[in-house]
Each structure stands twice: as C-alpha cells, then as structure tokens.
Amino acid sequence: MNNRIDQVKSFFIQPERYLLRSDYNIRIRAEVVKGFVRDNFFGSILDIGCGNGAISLPLLRQHTQLTLLDISSNMLSIARSHIPAEFSDNVKMVNEDFMRAELGFRSYDLILCLGVLAHVDSPADVITKMASLLKPNGSIIVQNSDSQHPIGYLIHRYSILRNNLLSIPYTMNRLGSAKLVEMFGHHGLKLTAVYRYNLPVPGMARFFSGDSLYKFIKNVYGTYANNHHSWLGSECIYYFKLIDTNSVSAGRLHHQ
C-alpha cells in the first residue's frame, strides 16, 4: 500500500465482516447521536465515513437532504440498500476521500464524523474542512479515542504490538481529548455534550455475542443522558455547536 487512503480501503475491503464485528458499537454510536440531536430538524446532513448508514439514516425527515460519504464503494452499496423508499430522492452518495471531495462551503446543518479521525492523514485538516462546510449555528458530532486516557493509551500500545506481529503497516492516529476540543475551539465550535465509554477487552468478541457486548457496555456506562462511570471511558463521542462563524472563515482561509 502506497498511501494511507489505500490502507484504509484495504482495512474495509470486506465491509460485512467489519459491520458484523462492530455491530454493538454502531448501535451505541447511533443511540448517542440520536440522543444528542433529539427531535431537532436538520435540513442538510453530511455523514463522513458513513459505513452502512445506520447512524445517519434514522435522522432523515421529509425535507432533509443527506449526503453519505465513504471511500468504500462496498459500504455505500450496503448503505444504499438501507435507504427507506420514501427518502430515496433525499440521499446523495459520494464515493471519495473526504479531503478530496468537492462539498459546498457552509452547506450543512449537521456533520457526523464517527470512526474516521483515527484513519486520516491529518485530523487537524479534517476538522478545518468540516468547520468550513458548516452553516451558521450548525453542529458537528465526532468520535475519537482519547489517547491521553490510561485505557486509551494501553489500547493504542496493544494495536501497535498487534500490527508489528502481523506485519500490518497501518497504525491509527492518536489524539487526546483536550487537544481535540482545543482544535475545534479554534474554529468557533463549542463542546456541548460528550459520552464516554470503553470497548470490550480485545478478544471478548470471540466469546460473546454482539447483543451481549452491547448490553454490557450500556449497563456499565449508561445512556447519553446519564453517562455512568464516564471517567473510565476512553472512547468519546462529542457534540460541538458553532458559536463563532468568523473563526470558521479564518480557518478556511488558513487551510487554503
């Protein structure tokens, strides 16, 4: 593999296998996102790294325009099969790397970016571009594994060891929670909510069903509205709202 994009495509070359292995985590992410946005209406939504669409498709309404973006054409095919017939004209599919995709400046009320920052060349550049695509008063929901959290650090060291043993050249990015919040703040985005939890210990998925793992995580960490033992969690889902559009303009000019 010559570049990170090729490595990511290879990582998700068999989407069914990935989706089956991560079903419990996708369910948790979808519930947290739904809880964060509640019944608010969003006229335009961008889902970056949309996967099978399980997180953003439930947010569709009659007058909502949803853009599903993923570098995996196989993932997009699965997502397309899940679009409700009554909303088929409301959904646009983009099979491209986010940083190369031509998306309109200040075009979206809500941007979703879950399970993506670990896989990109530059999280800072991705955040800058997301901010430039956001409408005034818009929102971004993003997921990140907190590398400064003790559990997050141990998981990262395990992934490096595993990759070395299996001769896998692909190592995920490391980004601390405080740094992430600071980076969004530079673009006028304020953190309004966060849900923290942990994924099961590596290997547990071999012995427990996805439903069992889902119930275990929810029992330990609770819901978006009542996040138990959040201090233990290294997996974080953040809800940012744009409060300063001048910062977005400045960030866009700097990025260009």
Protein backbone atom coordinates (compact mmCIF):
# COMPACT_ATOMS: atom_id res chain seq x y z
CA MET A 1 0.00 0.00 0.00
CA ASN A 2 1.48 3.32 -1.08
CA ASN A 3 -0.60 5.72 0.98
CA ARG A 4 -2.98 5.89 3.90
CA ILE A 5 -6.10 6.05 1.71
CA ASP A 6 -5.17 2.73 0.09
CA GLN A 7 -4.53 1.26 3.52
CA VAL A 8 -7.94 2.40 4.77
CA LYS A 9 -9.65 0.93 1.70
CA SER A 10 -7.86 -2.34 2.38
CA PHE A 11 -8.94 -2.19 6.03
CA PHE A 12 -12.60 -2.02 4.98
CA ILE A 13 -12.32 -4.26 1.91
CA GLN A 14 -14.80 -6.70 3.48
CA PRO A 15 -17.46 -4.42 4.99
CA GLU A 16 -19.78 -7.24 6.03
CA ARG A 17 -17.07 -8.68 8.28
CA TYR A 18 -16.35 -5.29 9.84
CA LEU A 19 -20.03 -4.47 10.35
CA LEU A 20 -20.72 -7.82 11.97
CA ARG A 21 -17.76 -7.44 14.33
CA SER A 22 -18.67 -3.85 15.24
CA ASP A 23 -22.47 -4.06 15.29
CA TYR A 24 -22.73 -3.42 19.03
CA ASN A 25 -20.54 -0.31 18.76
CA ILE A 26 -22.50 1.05 15.79
CA ARG A 27 -25.72 0.64 17.83
CA ILE A 28 -24.22 2.61 20.71
CA ARG A 29 -22.99 5.38 18.41
CA ALA A 30 -26.37 5.62 16.68
CA GLU A 31 -28.21 5.88 20.01
CA VAL A 32 -25.86 8.57 21.34
CA VAL A 33 -26.15 10.64 18.14
CA LYS A 34 -29.94 10.34 18.20
CA GLY A 35 -29.94 11.35 21.86
CA PHE A 36 -27.71 14.36 21.26
CA VAL A 37 -29.83 15.78 18.42
CA ARG A 38 -33.18 14.74 19.96
CA ASP A 39 -36.07 15.91 17.77
CA ASN A 40 -34.20 18.83 16.20
CA PHE A 41 -34.68 19.20 12.45
CA PHE A 42 -31.63 19.40 10.19
CA GLY A 43 -32.20 20.48 6.60
CA SER A 44 -28.84 19.15 5.42
CA ILE A 45 -26.66 16.43 6.95
CA LEU A 46 -23.23 15.14 5.93
CA ASP A 47 -22.14 11.72 7.20
CA ILE A 48 -18.38 11.27 6.72
CA GLY A 49 -17.33 7.63 6.69
CA CYS A 50 -21.00 6.68 6.73
CA GLY A 51 -20.48 2.91 6.69
CA ASN A 52 -23.84 1.18 6.34
CA GLY A 53 -25.75 4.40 7.13
CA ALA A 54 -27.06 3.10 10.46
CA ILE A 55 -26.18 6.32 12.28
CA SER A 56 -27.44 8.98 9.87
CA LEU A 57 -30.34 7.32 8.03
CA PRO A 58 -32.58 7.39 11.15
CA LEU A 59 -32.23 11.21 11.12
CA LEU A 60 -33.91 11.53 7.72
CA ARG A 61 -37.08 13.59 7.53
CA GLN A 62 -39.29 14.65 4.63
CA HIS A 63 -37.30 17.80 3.89
CA THR A 64 -33.85 16.61 4.99
CA GLN A 65 -31.05 16.26 2.45
CA LEU A 66 -28.48 13.66 3.50
CA THR A 67 -25.04 13.17 1.94
CA LEU A 68 -23.45 9.78 2.62
CA LEU A 69 -19.69 9.86 2.02
CA ASP A 70 -17.37 6.86 2.21
CA ILE A 71 -14.20 5.77 0.42
CA SER A 72 -15.56 2.22 0.28
CA SER A 73 -17.95 1.62 -2.62
CA ASN A 74 -18.99 -1.63 -0.93
CA MET A 75 -20.01 0.26 2.21
CA LEU A 76 -22.04 2.71 0.14
CA SER A 77 -23.81 -0.15 -1.62
CA ILE A 78 -24.89 -1.53 1.75
CA ALA A 79 -25.99 1.93 2.89
CA ARG A 80 -27.99 2.44 -0.32
CA SER A 81 -29.89 -0.78 0.32
CA HIS A 82 -30.99 0.59 3.72
CA ILE A 83 -32.44 3.89 2.46
CA PRO A 84 -36.23 3.97 3.02
CA ALA A 85 -38.05 4.15 -0.31
CA GLU A 86 -39.84 7.37 0.64
CA PHE A 87 -36.49 9.12 1.16
CA SER A 88 -34.62 7.79 -1.87
CA ASP A 89 -34.53 11.23 -3.52
CA ASN A 90 -33.24 12.87 -0.33
CA VAL A 91 -29.93 10.99 -0.22
CA LYS A 92 -26.76 11.70 -2.19
CA MET A 93 -23.91 9.16 -2.29
CA VAL A 94 -20.27 10.28 -2.54
CA ASN A 95 -17.62 7.59 -3.04
CA GLU A 96 -14.50 9.64 -2.35
CA ASP A 97 -11.88 10.62 0.20
CA PHE A 98 -13.36 13.43 2.31
CA MET A 99 -10.37 15.75 1.84
CA ARG A 100 -10.67 15.48 -1.96
CA ALA A 101 -14.45 15.66 -2.19
CA GLU A 102 -15.97 18.89 -3.55
CA LEU A 103 -18.53 19.89 -0.95
CA GLY A 104 -20.14 23.30 -0.66
CA PHE A 105 -18.86 25.92 1.79
CA ARG A 106 -21.33 26.36 4.68
CA SER A 107 -23.70 23.75 3.21
CA TYR A 108 -24.60 21.56 6.20
CA ASP A 109 -26.60 21.96 9.39
CA LEU A 110 -25.15 18.77 10.90
CA ILE A 111 -21.94 16.89 10.17
CA LEU A 112 -21.28 13.40 11.52
CA CYS A 113 -17.73 12.06 11.74
CA LEU A 114 -17.56 8.83 13.71
CA GLY A 115 -14.79 6.28 13.42
CA VAL A 116 -12.89 8.47 10.96
CA LEU A 117 -10.24 10.65 12.66
CA ALA A 118 -8.13 7.62 13.56
CA HIS A 119 -7.79 6.76 9.88
CA VAL A 120 -6.97 10.10 8.19
CA ASP A 121 -3.66 11.70 7.23
CA SER A 122 -4.27 14.83 9.30
CA PRO A 123 -7.06 15.16 11.89
CA ALA A 124 -6.40 18.92 12.01
CA ASP A 125 -7.05 19.29 8.27
CA VAL A 126 -10.21 17.22 8.50
CA ILE A 127 -11.50 19.37 11.37
CA THR A 128 -10.70 22.55 9.43
CA LYS A 129 -12.60 21.34 6.38
CA MET A 130 -15.58 20.17 8.44
CA ALA A 131 -15.81 23.59 10.08
CA SER A 132 -15.76 25.30 6.68
CA LEU A 133 -18.71 23.17 5.50
CA LEU A 134 -20.89 24.01 8.49
CA LYS A 135 -23.75 26.50 8.29
CA PRO A 136 -24.08 29.21 10.98
CA ASN A 137 -25.45 27.62 14.17
CA GLY A 138 -24.59 24.20 12.78
CA SER A 139 -23.40 21.16 14.74
CA ILE A 140 -20.70 18.50 14.46
CA ILE A 141 -20.77 15.13 16.19
CA VAL A 142 -17.38 13.42 16.18
CA GLN A 143 -15.90 10.29 17.73
CA ASN A 144 -12.34 9.93 18.99
CA SER A 145 -10.35 7.53 21.16
CA ASP A 146 -8.74 9.62 23.89
CA SER A 147 -5.03 8.77 23.66
CA GLN A 148 -4.26 10.59 26.92
CA HIS A 149 -6.62 8.37 28.89
CA PRO A 150 -4.78 5.45 30.57
CA ILE A 151 -7.05 2.85 28.97
CA GLY A 152 -6.81 4.57 25.58
CA TYR A 153 -3.02 4.53 25.86
CA LEU A 154 -2.97 0.81 26.65
CA ILE A 155 -5.28 0.02 23.73
CA HIS A 156 -3.06 2.03 21.40
CA ARG A 157 0.07 0.18 22.57
CA TYR A 158 -1.73 -3.12 22.04
CA SER A 159 -2.68 -2.13 18.47
CA ILE A 160 0.96 -1.24 17.69
CA LEU A 161 2.16 -4.59 19.06
CA ARG A 162 -0.52 -6.46 17.11
CA ASN A 163 0.31 -4.63 13.89
CA ASN A 164 4.02 -5.36 14.30
CA LEU A 165 3.40 -9.05 14.94
CA LEU A 166 1.13 -9.32 11.90
CA SER A 167 3.30 -7.03 9.74
CA ILE A 168 0.45 -4.56 9.28
CA PRO A 169 1.78 -1.11 8.28
CA TYR A 170 -1.40 0.69 9.30
CA THR A 171 -1.31 2.43 12.71
CA MET A 172 -4.23 4.59 13.79
CA ASN A 173 -3.81 8.20 14.83
CA ARG A 174 -3.51 9.21 18.47
CA LEU A 175 -5.32 12.32 19.69
CA GLY A 176 -6.03 13.42 23.25
CA SER A 177 -9.46 14.67 24.28
CA ALA A 178 -8.21 18.08 25.47
CA LYS A 179 -6.33 18.62 22.21
CA LEU A 180 -9.38 17.66 20.15
CA VAL A 181 -11.61 20.13 22.00
CA GLU A 182 -8.96 22.81 21.56
CA MET A 183 -8.74 22.16 17.80
CA PHE A 184 -12.50 22.52 17.38
CA GLY A 185 -12.46 25.62 19.54
CA HIS A 186 -10.08 27.31 17.10
CA HIS A 187 -12.91 27.15 14.56
CA GLY A 188 -15.57 28.62 16.83
CA LEU A 189 -17.05 25.26 17.84
CA LYS A 190 -18.06 24.77 21.47
CA LEU A 191 -18.36 21.39 23.18
CA THR A 192 -21.91 20.97 24.47
CA ALA A 193 -22.03 17.25 25.34
CA VAL A 194 -19.81 14.18 25.48
CA TYR A 195 -20.46 10.48 26.02
CA ARG A 196 -17.57 8.33 27.29
CA TYR A 197 -17.38 4.54 27.33
CA ASN A 198 -14.97 1.71 26.56
CA LEU A 199 -14.97 -1.06 24.03
CA PRO A 200 -14.65 -4.64 25.30
CA VAL A 201 -11.23 -6.09 26.04
CA PRO A 202 -9.63 -7.38 22.81
CA GLY A 203 -10.74 -10.95 22.21
CA MET A 204 -14.07 -10.75 24.04
CA ALA A 205 -15.98 -10.61 20.75
CA ARG A 206 -14.88 -14.17 20.07
CA PHE A 207 -16.74 -15.47 23.11
CA PHE A 208 -19.73 -13.12 23.45
CA SER A 209 -22.44 -12.11 21.01
CA GLY A 210 -22.77 -8.54 19.76
CA ASP A 211 -26.00 -8.20 21.71
CA SER A 212 -24.29 -9.30 24.93
CA LEU A 213 -21.45 -6.82 24.40
CA TYR A 214 -23.94 -4.04 23.70
CA LYS A 215 -25.88 -4.76 26.90
CA PHE A 216 -22.68 -4.98 28.93
CA ILE A 217 -21.46 -1.56 27.76
CA LYS A 218 -24.85 0.07 28.31
CA ASN A 219 -25.11 -1.44 31.82
CA VAL A 220 -21.68 -0.10 32.78
CA TYR A 221 -21.76 3.31 31.08
CA GLY A 222 -25.45 4.16 30.82
CA THR A 223 -27.03 6.41 28.20
CA TYR A 224 -26.13 9.73 26.61
CA ALA A 225 -28.31 11.47 29.22
CA ASN A 226 -26.91 9.54 32.19
CA ASN A 227 -23.33 8.54 31.44
CA HIS A 228 -22.24 6.27 34.33
CA HIS A 229 -18.54 5.90 35.18
CA SER A 230 -17.61 8.31 32.39
CA TRP A 231 -14.17 8.81 33.94
CA LEU A 232 -13.35 5.23 32.92
CA GLY A 233 -14.16 5.84 29.26
CA SER A 234 -11.51 6.38 26.59
CA GLU A 235 -13.97 6.12 23.68
CA CYS A 236 -15.60 9.55 23.30
CA ILE A 237 -18.47 10.91 21.22
CA TYR A 238 -18.51 14.72 21.24
CA TYR A 239 -21.27 17.14 20.30
CA PHE A 240 -19.97 20.53 19.11
CA LYS A 241 -22.02 23.59 18.13
CA LEU A 242 -20.81 26.51 16.04
CA ILE A 243 -20.87 29.76 18.01
CA ASP A 244 -18.37 31.90 16.08
CA THR A 245 -18.63 31.96 12.27
CA ASN A 246 -15.71 34.39 12.00
CA SER A 247 -13.40 31.65 13.28
CA VAL A 248 -14.68 29.34 10.55
CA SER A 249 -13.88 31.89 7.83
CA ALA A 250 -10.40 32.45 9.25
CA GLY A 251 -9.75 28.72 9.49
CA ARG A 252 -10.88 28.21 5.89
CA LEU A 253 -8.54 30.90 4.58
CA HIS A 254 -5.66 29.44 6.57
CA HIS A 255 -6.41 25.93 5.22
CA GLN A 256 -6.40 27.22 1.64
